[in-house]
């Protein structure tokens, strides 16, 4: 962080350096969601919630991609999956991302058990 500020450049750098915990905390702070939600999204096999969080944070595709690559560091991601994620991200509107996240978040709060991370946006 430069000058005590946290933003897209810092999160991008954290993700590129594969600093999972710091990236998790940074996304939690920027998106104003619980750390647990970000951690679940980063550990889930689906990519939707991470794309939603990146869109809510106002990140470019470059930063969203860095977060996806961090997320998939142990198992990899195919070029086809990465391309699909890029198209999904390009079509994802911030308002849609907010509505999906609000719905997901409300399900978690109501104790609906372990809500699925995958969501269609």
Protein backbone atom coordinates (compact mmCIF):
# COMPACT_ATOMS: atom_id res chain seq x y z
CA UNK A 1 0.00 0.00 0.00
CA UNK A 2 1.22 3.44 -0.81
CA UNK A 3 0.36 6.26 1.60
CA UNK A 4 -1.86 3.89 3.59
CA UNK A 5 -4.33 3.60 0.71
CA UNK A 6 -5.82 0.36 -0.50
CA UNK A 7 -7.04 0.12 -4.04
CA UNK A 8 -6.89 -1.84 -7.26
CA UNK A 9 -3.11 -1.49 -7.79
CA UNK A 10 -2.42 -2.92 -4.34
CA UNK A 11 -4.83 -5.83 -4.75
CA UNK A 12 -3.41 -6.56 -8.20
CA UNK A 13 0.10 -6.71 -6.75
CA UNK A 14 -0.99 -8.91 -3.84
CA UNK A 15 -2.68 -11.34 -6.22
CA UNK A 16 0.31 -11.41 -8.58
CA UNK A 17 2.57 -12.19 -5.61
CA UNK A 18 0.18 -15.02 -4.61
CA UNK A 19 -0.45 -13.49 -1.21
CA UNK A 20 -3.75 -15.26 -0.57
CA UNK A 21 -4.49 -13.99 2.94
CA UNK A 22 -3.68 -10.37 2.13
CA UNK A 23 -5.71 -10.50 -1.09
CA UNK A 24 -8.63 -11.96 0.86
CA UNK A 25 -8.54 -9.20 3.47
CA UNK A 26 -8.12 -6.48 0.84
CA UNK A 27 -11.14 -7.69 -1.18
CA UNK A 28 -13.16 -7.94 2.01
CA UNK A 29 -12.36 -4.34 2.92
CA UNK A 30 -12.91 -2.91 -0.57
CA UNK A 31 -16.18 -4.78 -1.14
CA UNK A 32 -17.41 -4.30 2.43
CA UNK A 33 -18.12 -8.01 2.90
CA UNK A 34 -17.02 -10.55 5.47
CA UNK A 35 -13.63 -12.18 5.07
CA UNK A 36 -15.37 -15.57 5.17
CA UNK A 37 -17.36 -14.75 2.03
CA UNK A 38 -14.21 -13.78 0.11
CA UNK A 39 -12.35 -16.83 1.38
CA UNK A 40 -15.20 -19.13 0.30
CA UNK A 41 -15.23 -17.52 -3.14
CA UNK A 42 -11.47 -17.93 -3.50
CA UNK A 43 -11.61 -21.57 -2.45
CA UNK A 44 -14.67 -22.52 -4.50
CA UNK A 45 -14.16 -24.20 -7.88
CA UNK A 46 -16.58 -21.75 -9.54
CA UNK A 47 -15.43 -18.29 -10.55
CA UNK A 48 -18.68 -16.33 -10.41
CA UNK A 49 -18.49 -14.83 -6.93
CA UNK A 50 -14.88 -13.71 -7.38
CA UNK A 51 -15.86 -12.00 -10.64
CA UNK A 52 -18.76 -10.35 -8.83
CA UNK A 53 -16.47 -9.09 -6.06
CA UNK A 54 -13.97 -7.75 -8.57
CA UNK A 55 -16.77 -5.96 -10.48
CA UNK A 56 -18.12 -4.47 -7.24
CA UNK A 57 -14.65 -3.18 -6.43
CA UNK A 58 -14.56 -1.55 -9.88
CA UNK A 59 -11.52 -3.53 -10.99
CA UNK A 60 -10.29 -3.87 -14.56
CA UNK A 61 -10.20 -7.27 -16.23
CA UNK A 62 -6.43 -7.31 -15.67
CA UNK A 63 -6.90 -7.22 -11.90
CA UNK A 64 -9.84 -9.64 -11.97
CA UNK A 65 -7.68 -12.04 -14.00
CA UNK A 66 -4.83 -11.76 -11.48
CA UNK A 67 -7.26 -12.70 -8.70
CA UNK A 68 -8.56 -15.65 -10.76
CA UNK A 69 -5.02 -16.85 -11.37
CA UNK A 70 -4.32 -16.62 -7.63
CA UNK A 71 -7.52 -18.55 -6.97
CA UNK A 72 -6.50 -21.28 -9.40
CA UNK A 73 -2.77 -21.32 -8.57
CA UNK A 74 -2.84 -24.87 -7.20
CA UNK A 75 -5.03 -26.46 -9.86
CA UNK A 76 -4.60 -24.21 -12.86
CA UNK A 77 -7.20 -22.76 -15.20
CA UNK A 78 -7.67 -23.62 -18.86
CA UNK A 79 -7.42 -20.98 -21.55
CA UNK A 80 -11.06 -21.75 -22.41
CA UNK A 81 -12.21 -21.18 -18.81
CA UNK A 82 -10.19 -17.97 -18.60
CA UNK A 83 -11.71 -16.75 -21.86
CA UNK A 84 -15.19 -17.60 -20.59
CA UNK A 85 -14.49 -15.71 -17.37
CA UNK A 86 -13.31 -12.69 -19.37
CA UNK A 87 -16.54 -12.64 -21.39
CA UNK A 88 -18.65 -13.05 -18.25
CA UNK A 89 -16.75 -10.22 -16.58
CA UNK A 90 -17.15 -7.93 -19.58
CA UNK A 91 -20.92 -8.49 -19.54
CA UNK A 92 -21.32 -8.19 -15.76
CA UNK A 93 -22.84 -4.88 -14.68
CA UNK A 94 -22.01 -3.47 -11.24
CA UNK A 95 -25.70 -3.29 -10.30
CA UNK A 96 -26.26 -6.93 -11.22
CA UNK A 97 -23.18 -7.89 -9.24
CA UNK A 98 -24.52 -6.01 -6.21
CA UNK A 99 -27.94 -7.71 -6.43
CA UNK A 100 -26.43 -11.19 -6.75
CA UNK A 101 -24.07 -10.58 -3.85
CA UNK A 102 -26.88 -9.17 -1.70
CA UNK A 103 -28.95 -12.27 -2.39
CA UNK A 104 -26.04 -14.61 -1.63
CA UNK A 105 -25.19 -12.66 1.51
CA UNK A 106 -28.79 -12.74 2.77
CA UNK A 107 -28.90 -16.52 2.30
CA UNK A 108 -25.76 -16.89 4.39
CA UNK A 109 -27.15 -14.64 7.12
CA UNK A 110 -30.44 -16.56 7.28
CA UNK A 111 -28.46 -19.70 8.00
CA UNK A 112 -29.54 -21.48 4.85
CA UNK A 113 -26.68 -23.87 5.43
CA UNK A 114 -23.74 -23.81 3.14
CA UNK A 115 -25.09 -21.74 0.27
CA UNK A 116 -23.63 -22.60 -3.12
CA UNK A 117 -21.02 -20.13 -4.28
CA UNK A 118 -21.97 -20.47 -7.94
CA UNK A 119 -24.47 -17.90 -9.12
CA UNK A 120 -25.56 -16.80 -12.54
CA UNK A 121 -25.25 -13.12 -13.21
